[in-house]
Amino acid sequence: MKISKKLVDEMISHAREDLPNECCGMIGGRDGEATSVVRIENAAASPLRYEMDPQGQFDGLKAIEDGGDELIGIYHSHTRSAAYPSQTDVNEARMWPEQVYVIVSLEDEEAPDVKAYDLADLKIADVDLDVS
Protein backbone atom coordinates (compact mmCIF):
# COMPACT_ATOMS: atom_id res chain seq x y z
CA MET A 1 0.00 0.00 0.00
CA LYS A 2 1.30 3.43 -0.89
CA ILE A 3 0.65 6.02 1.80
CA SER A 4 1.93 9.50 2.53
CA LYS A 5 3.94 10.29 5.65
CA LYS A 6 1.23 12.86 6.44
CA LEU A 7 -1.44 10.13 6.66
CA VAL A 8 0.84 7.87 8.73
CA ASP A 9 1.48 10.81 11.08
CA GLU A 10 -2.28 11.39 11.31
CA MET A 11 -2.84 7.77 12.42
CA ILE A 12 -0.02 8.08 14.98
CA SER A 13 -1.55 11.31 16.32
CA HIS A 14 -4.94 9.60 16.60
CA ALA A 15 -3.35 6.70 18.50
CA ARG A 16 -1.65 9.06 20.94
CA GLU A 17 -4.79 11.17 21.46
CA ASP A 18 -6.91 8.12 22.28
CA LEU A 19 -4.54 6.75 24.93
CA PRO A 20 -4.97 4.87 27.18
CA ASN A 21 -7.42 3.20 24.75
CA GLU A 22 -6.86 1.81 21.30
CA CYS A 23 -7.93 3.99 18.38
CA CYS A 24 -9.46 2.81 15.11
CA GLY A 25 -10.38 4.14 11.71
CA MET A 26 -10.70 3.60 7.99
CA ILE A 27 -8.32 4.26 5.12
CA GLY A 28 -9.70 5.50 1.82
CA GLY A 29 -7.96 5.38 -1.52
CA ARG A 30 -7.81 3.73 -4.90
CA ASP A 31 -5.50 1.41 -6.82
CA GLY A 32 -3.55 0.52 -3.67
CA GLU A 33 -2.77 4.14 -2.79
CA ALA A 34 -4.17 5.68 0.41
CA THR A 35 -5.61 9.17 0.05
CA SER A 36 -7.40 9.68 3.38
CA VAL A 37 -7.85 8.37 6.89
CA VAL A 38 -11.14 8.66 8.74
CA ARG A 39 -11.19 8.43 12.52
CA ILE A 40 -13.89 6.18 13.96
CA GLU A 41 -14.81 6.10 17.63
CA ASN A 42 -13.67 2.98 19.47
CA ALA A 43 -17.00 1.90 20.97
CA ALA A 44 -15.17 -0.62 23.20
CA ALA A 45 -13.20 2.24 24.82
CA SER A 46 -10.54 -0.30 25.77
CA PRO A 47 -6.74 -0.36 25.89
CA LEU A 48 -6.85 -4.01 24.76
CA ARG A 49 -9.27 -4.06 21.81
CA TYR A 50 -11.20 -1.93 19.39
CA GLU A 51 -14.74 -2.00 18.10
CA MET A 52 -15.64 0.51 15.41
CA ASP A 53 -18.76 2.47 16.32
CA PRO A 54 -21.49 1.32 13.87
CA GLN A 55 -22.70 4.84 13.00
CA GLY A 56 -19.09 5.96 12.66
CA GLN A 57 -18.43 3.07 10.28
CA PHE A 58 -21.40 4.04 8.14
CA ASP A 59 -20.46 7.73 8.12
CA GLY A 60 -16.79 6.97 7.46
CA LEU A 61 -17.52 4.68 4.53
CA LYS A 62 -19.95 7.23 3.10
CA ALA A 63 -17.34 10.02 3.39
CA ILE A 64 -14.74 7.87 1.61
CA GLU A 65 -17.13 6.92 -1.19
CA ASP A 66 -18.51 10.47 -1.53
CA GLY A 67 -14.91 11.58 -2.10
CA GLY A 68 -14.64 9.20 -5.06
CA ASP A 69 -12.49 6.65 -3.25
CA GLU A 70 -13.05 3.19 -1.85
CA LEU A 71 -12.27 1.58 1.48
CA ILE A 72 -8.79 0.06 1.11
CA GLY A 73 -7.81 -0.38 4.74
CA ILE A 74 -8.66 -0.46 8.43
CA TYR A 75 -6.29 0.89 11.06
CA HIS A 76 -6.07 0.62 14.82
CA SER A 77 -3.49 1.00 17.53
CA HIS A 78 -1.84 -1.28 20.03
CA THR A 79 -1.16 0.59 23.24
CA ARG A 80 1.22 -1.86 24.89
CA SER A 81 2.19 -4.42 22.29
CA ALA A 82 4.00 -4.70 18.98
CA ALA A 83 2.52 -3.76 15.59
CA TYR A 84 1.50 -7.36 14.98
CA PRO A 85 -2.08 -8.70 14.80
CA SER A 86 -3.52 -10.36 17.87
CA GLN A 87 -5.75 -13.41 17.50
CA THR A 88 -8.70 -11.07 18.16
CA ASP A 89 -7.55 -8.83 15.28
CA VAL A 90 -7.37 -11.84 12.97
CA ASN A 91 -10.82 -13.10 14.03
CA GLU A 92 -12.41 -9.66 13.63
CA ALA A 93 -10.94 -9.28 10.13
CA ARG A 94 -13.56 -11.71 8.85
CA MET A 95 -15.91 -8.71 8.65
CA TRP A 96 -13.65 -6.94 6.09
CA PRO A 97 -11.41 -9.70 4.65
CA GLU A 98 -10.28 -7.79 1.55
CA GLN A 99 -8.88 -4.81 3.44
CA VAL A 100 -5.30 -4.05 4.42
CA TYR A 101 -4.98 -3.86 8.21
CA VAL A 102 -2.61 -1.20 9.52
CA ILE A 103 -1.47 -1.35 13.14
CA VAL A 104 0.11 1.59 14.96
CA SER A 105 2.11 0.36 17.95
CA LEU A 106 2.75 2.72 20.84
CA GLU A 107 4.61 0.06 22.81
CA ASP A 108 7.46 2.61 22.68
CA GLU A 109 5.49 5.86 22.55
CA GLU A 110 8.59 7.84 21.54
CA ALA A 111 9.18 5.56 18.53
CA PRO A 112 5.80 4.45 17.14
CA ASP A 113 5.89 1.46 14.79
CA VAL A 114 3.43 1.19 11.90
CA LYS A 115 2.98 -2.04 9.93
CA ALA A 116 0.39 -3.47 7.54
CA TYR A 117 -1.10 -6.92 7.08
CA ASP A 118 -3.45 -8.97 4.96
CA LEU A 119 -5.65 -10.98 7.35
CA ALA A 120 -7.82 -12.85 4.82
CA ASP A 121 -8.69 -16.48 5.53
CA LEU A 122 -7.65 -16.11 9.19
CA LYS A 123 -3.97 -15.93 8.18
CA ILE A 124 -1.41 -13.19 8.77
CA ALA A 125 0.59 -11.96 5.76
CA ASP A 126 2.84 -8.90 5.72
CA VAL A 127 1.88 -6.05 3.38
CA ASP A 128 4.53 -3.57 2.28
CA LEU A 129 3.83 0.01 3.33
CA ASP A 130 5.38 2.38 0.82
CA VAL A 131 5.56 5.61 2.86
CA SER A 132 6.49 8.72 0.92
C-alpha atoms as a PDB file:
ATOM      1  CA  MET A   1       0.000   0.000   0.000  1.00  0.00           C
ATOM      2  CA  LYS A   2       1.300   3.432  -0.895  1.00  0.00           C
ATOM      3  CA  ILE A   3       0.645   6.022   1.799  1.00  0.00           C
ATOM      4  CA  SER A   4       1.933   9.505   2.532  1.00  0.00           C
ATOM      5  CA  LYS A   5       3.943  10.291   5.649  1.00  0.00           C
ATOM      6  CA  LYS A   6       1.229  12.857   6.441  1.00  0.00           C
ATOM      7  CA  LEU A   7      -1.439  10.128   6.656  1.00  0.00           C
ATOM      8  CA  VAL A   8       0.836   7.872   8.731  1.00  0.00           C
ATOM      9  CA  ASP A   9       1.482  10.809  11.080  1.00  0.00           C
ATOM     10  CA  GLU A  10      -2.280  11.387  11.305  1.00  0.00           C
ATOM     11  CA  MET A  11      -2.835   7.770  12.418  1.00  0.00           C
ATOM     12  CA  ILE A  12      -0.016   8.076  14.983  1.00  0.00           C
ATOM     13  CA  SER A  13      -1.550  11.309  16.322  1.00  0.00           C
ATOM     14  CA  HIS A  14      -4.935   9.604  16.605  1.00  0.00           C
ATOM     15  CA  ALA A  15      -3.352   6.704  18.496  1.00  0.00           C
ATOM     16  CA  ARG A  16      -1.650   9.063  20.944  1.00  0.00           C
ATOM     17  CA  GLU A  17      -4.794  11.169  21.463  1.00  0.00           C
ATOM     18  CA  ASP A  18      -6.915   8.116  22.285  1.00  0.00           C
ATOM     19  CA  LEU A  19      -4.538   6.751  24.935  1.00  0.00           C
ATOM     20  CA  PRO A  20      -4.974   4.867  27.176  1.00  0.00           C
ATOM     21  CA  ASN A  21      -7.418   3.199  24.749  1.00  0.00           C
ATOM     22  CA  GLU A  22      -6.858   1.809  21.296  1.00  0.00           C
ATOM     23  CA  CYS A  23      -7.932   3.988  18.376  1.00  0.00           C
ATOM     24  CA  CYS A  24      -9.459   2.813  15.109  1.00  0.00           C
ATOM     25  CA  GLY A  25     -10.380   4.135  11.709  1.00  0.00           C
ATOM     26  CA  MET A  26     -10.702   3.598   7.988  1.00  0.00           C
ATOM     27  CA  ILE A  27      -8.316   4.258   5.116  1.00  0.00           C
ATOM     28  CA  GLY A  28      -9.697   5.498   1.817  1.00  0.00           C
ATOM     29  CA  GLY A  29      -7.958   5.381  -1.517  1.00  0.00           C
ATOM     30  CA  ARG A  30      -7.808   3.726  -4.896  1.00  0.00           C
ATOM     31  CA  ASP A  31      -5.503   1.412  -6.819  1.00  0.00           C
ATOM     32  CA  GLY A  32      -3.550   0.520  -3.672  1.00  0.00           C
ATOM     33  CA  GLU A  33      -2.768   4.138  -2.787  1.00  0.00           C
ATOM     34  CA  ALA A  34      -4.168   5.682   0.409  1.00  0.00           C
ATOM     35  CA  THR A  35      -5.606   9.171   0.051  1.00  0.00           C
ATOM     36  CA  SER A  36      -7.401   9.678   3.378  1.00  0.00           C
ATOM     37  CA  VAL A  37      -7.851   8.368   6.886  1.00  0.00           C
ATOM     38  CA  VAL A  38     -11.140   8.663   8.742  1.00  0.00           C
ATOM     39  CA  ARG A  39     -11.193   8.435  12.524  1.00  0.00           C
ATOM     40  CA  ILE A  40     -13.887   6.184  13.957  1.00  0.00           C
ATOM     41  CA  GLU A  41     -14.809   6.097  17.634  1.00  0.00           C
ATOM     42  CA  ASN A  42     -13.673   2.978  19.473  1.00  0.00           C
ATOM     43  CA  ALA A  43     -16.996   1.901  20.969  1.00  0.00           C
ATOM     44  CA  ALA A  44     -15.169  -0.615  23.197  1.00  0.00           C
ATOM     45  CA  ALA A  45     -13.197   2.243  24.821  1.00  0.00           C
ATOM     46  CA  SER A  46     -10.544  -0.300  25.772  1.00  0.00           C
ATOM     47  CA  PRO A  47      -6.738  -0.361  25.890  1.00  0.00           C
ATOM     48  CA  LEU A  48      -6.848  -4.006  24.758  1.00  0.00           C
ATOM     49  CA  ARG A  49      -9.270  -4.064  21.810  1.00  0.00           C
ATOM     50  CA  TYR A  50     -11.199  -1.935  19.391  1.00  0.00           C
ATOM     51  CA  GLU A  51     -14.744  -2.004  18.097  1.00  0.00           C
ATOM     52  CA  MET A  52     -15.637   0.511  15.413  1.00  0.00           C
ATOM     53  CA  ASP A  53     -18.762   2.473  16.325  1.00  0.00           C
ATOM     54  CA  PRO A  54     -21.490   1.316  13.866  1.00  0.00           C
ATOM     55  CA  GLN A  55     -22.704   4.835  13.003  1.00  0.00           C
ATOM     56  CA  GLY A  56     -19.089   5.958  12.665  1.00  0.00           C
ATOM     57  CA  GLN A  57     -18.435   3.066  10.279  1.00  0.00           C
ATOM     58  CA  PHE A  58     -21.404   4.039   8.144  1.00  0.00           C
ATOM     59  CA  ASP A  59     -20.461   7.729   8.124  1.00  0.00           C
ATOM     60  CA  GLY A  60     -16.789   6.968   7.464  1.00  0.00           C
ATOM     61  CA  LEU A  61     -17.516   4.681   4.534  1.00  0.00           C
ATOM     62  CA  LYS A  62     -19.950   7.234   3.100  1.00  0.00           C
ATOM     63  CA  ALA A  63     -17.344  10.023   3.387  1.00  0.00           C
ATOM     64  CA  ILE A  64     -14.741   7.868   1.612  1.00  0.00           C
ATOM     65  CA  GLU A  65     -17.133   6.919  -1.195  1.00  0.00           C
ATOM     66  CA  ASP A  66     -18.510  10.471  -1.532  1.00  0.00           C
ATOM     67  CA  GLY A  67     -14.905  11.577  -2.104  1.00  0.00           C
ATOM     68  CA  GLY A  68     -14.642   9.201  -5.058  1.00  0.00           C
ATOM     69  CA  ASP A  69     -12.489   6.652  -3.248  1.00  0.00           C
ATOM     70  CA  GLU A  70     -13.047   3.187  -1.851  1.00  0.00           C
ATOM     71  CA  LEU A  71     -12.266   1.582   1.476  1.00  0.00           C
ATOM     72  CA  ILE A  72      -8.789   0.064   1.108  1.00  0.00           C
ATOM     73  CA  GLY A  73      -7.806  -0.382   4.742  1.00  0.00           C
ATOM     74  CA  ILE A  74      -8.659  -0.458   8.427  1.00  0.00           C
ATOM     75  CA  TYR A  75      -6.292   0.885  11.061  1.00  0.00           C
ATOM     76  CA  HIS A  76      -6.068   0.622  14.816  1.00  0.00           C
ATOM     77  CA  SER A  77      -3.493   1.005  17.535  1.00  0.00           C
ATOM     78  CA  HIS A  78      -1.840  -1.284  20.026  1.00  0.00           C
ATOM     79  CA  THR A  79      -1.163   0.594  23.238  1.00  0.00           C
ATOM     80  CA  ARG A  80       1.225  -1.857  24.891  1.00  0.00           C
ATOM     81  CA  SER A  81       2.194  -4.425  22.294  1.00  0.00           C
ATOM     82  CA  ALA A  82       4.001  -4.697  18.979  1.00  0.00           C
ATOM     83  CA  ALA A  83       2.524  -3.758  15.594  1.00  0.00           C
ATOM     84  CA  TYR A  84       1.498  -7.359  14.980  1.00  0.00           C
ATOM     85  CA  PRO A  85      -2.080  -8.695  14.802  1.00  0.00           C
ATOM     86  CA  SER A  86      -3.515 -10.361  17.870  1.00  0.00           C
ATOM     87  CA  GLN A  87      -5.754 -13.405  17.503  1.00  0.00           C
ATOM     88  CA  THR A  88      -8.702 -11.071  18.161  1.00  0.00           C
ATOM     89  CA  ASP A  89      -7.551  -8.826  15.280  1.00  0.00           C
ATOM     90  CA  VAL A  90      -7.372 -11.841  12.965  1.00  0.00           C
ATOM     91  CA  ASN A  91     -10.815 -13.100  14.034  1.00  0.00           C
ATOM     92  CA  GLU A  92     -12.409  -9.662  13.630  1.00  0.00           C
ATOM     93  CA  ALA A  93     -10.936  -9.285  10.128  1.00  0.00           C
ATOM     94  CA  ARG A  94     -13.565 -11.715   8.848  1.00  0.00           C
ATOM     95  CA  MET A  95     -15.906  -8.711   8.649  1.00  0.00           C
ATOM     96  CA  TRP A  96     -13.655  -6.942   6.092  1.00  0.00           C
ATOM     97  CA  PRO A  97     -11.413  -9.704   4.649  1.00  0.00           C
ATOM     98  CA  GLU A  98     -10.277  -7.794   1.550  1.00  0.00           C
ATOM     99  CA  GLN A  99      -8.884  -4.807   3.442  1.00  0.00           C
ATOM    100  CA  VAL A 100      -5.305  -4.054   4.419  1.00  0.00           C
ATOM    101  CA  TYR A 101      -4.985  -3.861   8.213  1.00  0.00           C
ATOM    102  CA  VAL A 102      -2.613  -1.201   9.525  1.00  0.00           C
ATOM    103  CA  ILE A 103      -1.471  -1.351  13.143  1.00  0.00           C
ATOM    104  CA  VAL A 104       0.110   1.594  14.961  1.00  0.00           C
ATOM    105  CA  SER A 105       2.106   0.362  17.948  1.00  0.00           C
ATOM    106  CA  LEU A 106       2.750   2.717  20.841  1.00  0.00           C
ATOM    107  CA  GLU A 107       4.614   0.055  22.810  1.00  0.00           C
ATOM    108  CA  ASP A 108       7.458   2.615  22.676  1.00  0.00           C
ATOM    109  CA  GLU A 109       5.495   5.865  22.549  1.00  0.00           C
ATOM    110  CA  GLU A 110       8.594   7.837  21.540  1.00  0.00           C
ATOM    111  CA  ALA A 111       9.180   5.564  18.529  1.00  0.00           C
ATOM    112  CA  PRO A 112       5.803   4.446  17.135  1.00  0.00           C
ATOM    113  CA  ASP A 113       5.891   1.462  14.794  1.00  0.00           C
ATOM    114  CA  VAL A 114       3.433   1.194  11.896  1.00  0.00           C
ATOM    115  CA  LYS A 115       2.975  -2.042   9.935  1.00  0.00           C
ATOM    116  CA  ALA A 116       0.385  -3.468   7.542  1.00  0.00           C
ATOM    117  CA  TYR A 117      -1.100  -6.922   7.081  1.00  0.00           C
ATOM    118  CA  ASP A 118      -3.453  -8.970   4.959  1.00  0.00           C
ATOM    119  CA  LEU A 119      -5.647 -10.982   7.349  1.00  0.00           C
ATOM    120  CA  ALA A 120      -7.822 -12.852   4.825  1.00  0.00           C
ATOM    121  CA  ASP A 121      -8.685 -16.485   5.528  1.00  0.00           C
ATOM    122  CA  LEU A 122      -7.651 -16.113   9.191  1.00  0.00           C
ATOM    123  CA  LYS A 123      -3.971 -15.928   8.179  1.00  0.00           C
ATOM    124  CA  ILE A 124      -1.411 -13.187   8.766  1.00  0.00           C
ATOM    125  CA  ALA A 125       0.587 -11.964   5.759  1.00  0.00           C
ATOM    126  CA  ASP A 126       2.841  -8.896   5.720  1.00  0.00           C
ATOM    127  CA  VAL A 127       1.882  -6.050   3.378  1.00  0.00           C
ATOM    128  CA  ASP A 128       4.528  -3.566   2.280  1.00  0.00           C
ATOM    129  CA  LEU A 129       3.831   0.006   3.331  1.00  0.00           C
ATOM    130  CA  ASP A 130       5.382   2.380   0.821  1.00  0.00           C
ATOM    131  CA  VAL A 131       5.561   5.614   2.857  1.00  0.00           C
ATOM    132  CA  SER A 132       6.487   8.725   0.921  1.00  0.00           C
END
